[in-house]
Amino acid sequence: MYSQNPIGTLYRHGDVLIKRVANLPPGSQKRPGNILAHGEVTGHSHRIRQAEAMQLWEQNNTMFLEVIGEKATLVHEEHRPLELTKGIYQVWRQREYRPDRYVEVED
């Protein structure tokens, strides 16, 4: 069966990066909510529209998104919706380099 989101595929949704992975790391803990990233500047957030179709997880400060429904839509007021199919995804906030440190990109 063909998957629209094969393992290893990387997606960018504004300052959020998402990669399909094979499974959750051992010891991952459930995380409440449907928001992947809050926008500090605009107040907008990267979130899953169908909260019942997903579960967030965390392992060592790394976030994972599990799509448990057939699909889930990642939305944000300033970006096109991104449809994700059933599976597990690692989620990163994009960072930018500054000579003295790395900082998360603010939306």
Protein backbone atom coordinates (compact mmCIF):
# COMPACT_ATOMS: atom_id res chain seq x y z
CA MET A 1 0.00 0.00 0.00
CA TYR A 2 1.34 3.45 -0.94
CA SER A 3 1.66 6.02 1.83
CA GLN A 4 1.26 9.70 1.02
CA ASN A 5 3.66 10.52 3.85
CA PRO A 6 6.51 7.95 3.68
CA ILE A 7 8.96 7.59 6.58
CA GLY A 8 11.73 10.17 6.35
CA THR A 9 9.67 12.77 4.49
CA LEU A 10 10.34 16.27 5.85
CA TYR A 11 7.71 19.04 5.85
CA ARG A 12 8.03 22.71 6.67
CA HIS A 13 5.05 24.67 7.99
CA GLY A 14 6.35 28.16 8.68
CA ASP A 15 8.88 27.83 11.52
CA VAL A 16 7.84 24.24 12.30
CA LEU A 17 9.59 21.24 10.75
CA ILE A 18 7.93 17.81 10.73
CA LYS A 19 9.44 14.45 9.79
CA ARG A 20 7.64 11.12 9.53
CA VAL A 21 9.37 8.51 11.73
CA ALA A 22 8.88 4.77 12.19
CA ASN A 23 7.85 4.85 15.87
CA LEU A 24 7.92 6.72 19.16
CA PRO A 25 11.12 6.48 21.21
CA PRO A 26 10.86 4.34 24.36
CA GLY A 27 9.80 6.31 27.41
CA SER A 28 7.82 8.95 25.49
CA GLN A 29 5.27 10.72 27.66
CA LYS A 30 1.83 11.92 26.55
CA ARG A 31 1.46 15.66 26.23
CA PRO A 32 -1.94 17.41 26.37
CA GLY A 33 -3.39 19.63 23.65
CA ASN A 34 -3.25 20.00 19.89
CA ILE A 35 -0.77 22.91 19.55
CA LEU A 36 2.63 22.14 18.05
CA ALA A 37 4.00 25.69 18.42
CA HIS A 38 2.73 29.02 19.71
CA GLY A 39 3.51 32.18 17.76
CA GLU A 40 5.19 34.63 20.13
CA VAL A 41 4.91 37.60 17.78
CA THR A 42 1.47 37.13 16.18
CA GLY A 43 -0.29 35.05 18.81
CA HIS A 44 -1.18 32.50 16.11
CA SER A 45 -0.37 28.84 16.63
CA HIS A 46 0.53 25.80 14.56
CA ARG A 47 -2.14 23.31 15.61
CA ILE A 48 -3.99 20.21 14.48
CA ARG A 49 -7.56 21.03 13.46
CA GLN A 50 -8.96 17.58 14.42
CA ALA A 51 -7.80 17.25 18.04
CA GLU A 52 -9.55 13.88 18.35
CA ALA A 53 -7.41 12.48 15.50
CA MET A 54 -4.05 13.02 17.19
CA GLN A 55 -1.91 12.68 20.30
CA LEU A 56 1.20 14.66 21.22
CA TRP A 57 4.18 12.97 22.89
CA GLU A 58 7.46 14.20 24.35
CA GLN A 59 10.81 12.50 24.94
CA ASN A 60 13.83 14.47 26.22
CA ASN A 61 12.36 17.84 25.13
CA THR A 62 11.60 16.52 21.64
CA MET A 63 7.98 16.61 20.51
CA PHE A 64 6.25 13.89 18.52
CA LEU A 65 2.85 13.96 16.85
CA GLU A 66 0.90 10.74 16.45
CA VAL A 67 -1.89 10.94 13.89
CA ILE A 68 -4.33 8.26 15.07
CA GLY A 69 -7.12 9.12 12.64
CA GLU A 70 -6.87 8.50 8.90
CA LYS A 71 -5.61 12.07 8.53
CA ALA A 72 -5.09 15.29 10.44
CA THR A 73 -4.70 18.86 9.20
CA LEU A 74 -1.98 21.17 10.50
CA VAL A 75 -3.26 24.75 10.37
CA HIS A 76 -1.94 28.26 11.00
CA GLU A 77 -3.44 31.59 10.02
CA GLU A 78 -0.48 32.54 7.80
CA HIS A 79 0.20 29.20 6.05
CA ARG A 80 -1.64 26.76 3.84
CA PRO A 81 -3.11 23.76 5.66
CA LEU A 82 -0.89 20.67 5.63
CA GLU A 83 -2.58 17.27 5.59
CA LEU A 84 -0.79 14.48 7.44
CA THR A 85 -1.79 10.82 7.19
CA LYS A 86 -1.89 8.26 9.99
CA GLY A 87 1.54 7.77 11.53
CA ILE A 88 4.14 9.28 13.84
CA TYR A 89 6.00 12.53 13.18
CA GLN A 90 8.87 14.25 14.95
CA VAL A 91 8.30 18.00 15.39
CA TRP A 92 10.97 20.73 15.63
CA ARG A 93 10.81 24.49 16.00
CA GLN A 94 13.15 26.01 13.46
CA ARG A 95 16.19 27.70 15.01
CA GLU A 96 18.46 30.41 13.73
CA TYR A 97 22.14 30.82 14.41
CA ARG A 98 23.48 33.84 16.22
CA PRO A 99 27.18 34.12 17.06
CA ASP A 100 26.51 33.70 20.79
CA ARG A 101 23.71 31.06 20.67
CA TYR A 102 20.93 29.34 18.72
CA VAL A 103 17.42 30.77 19.15
CA GLU A 104 14.03 29.49 18.07
CA VAL A 105 12.53 31.35 15.15
CA GLU A 106 9.56 33.46 16.25
CA ASP A 107 6.41 33.39 14.16
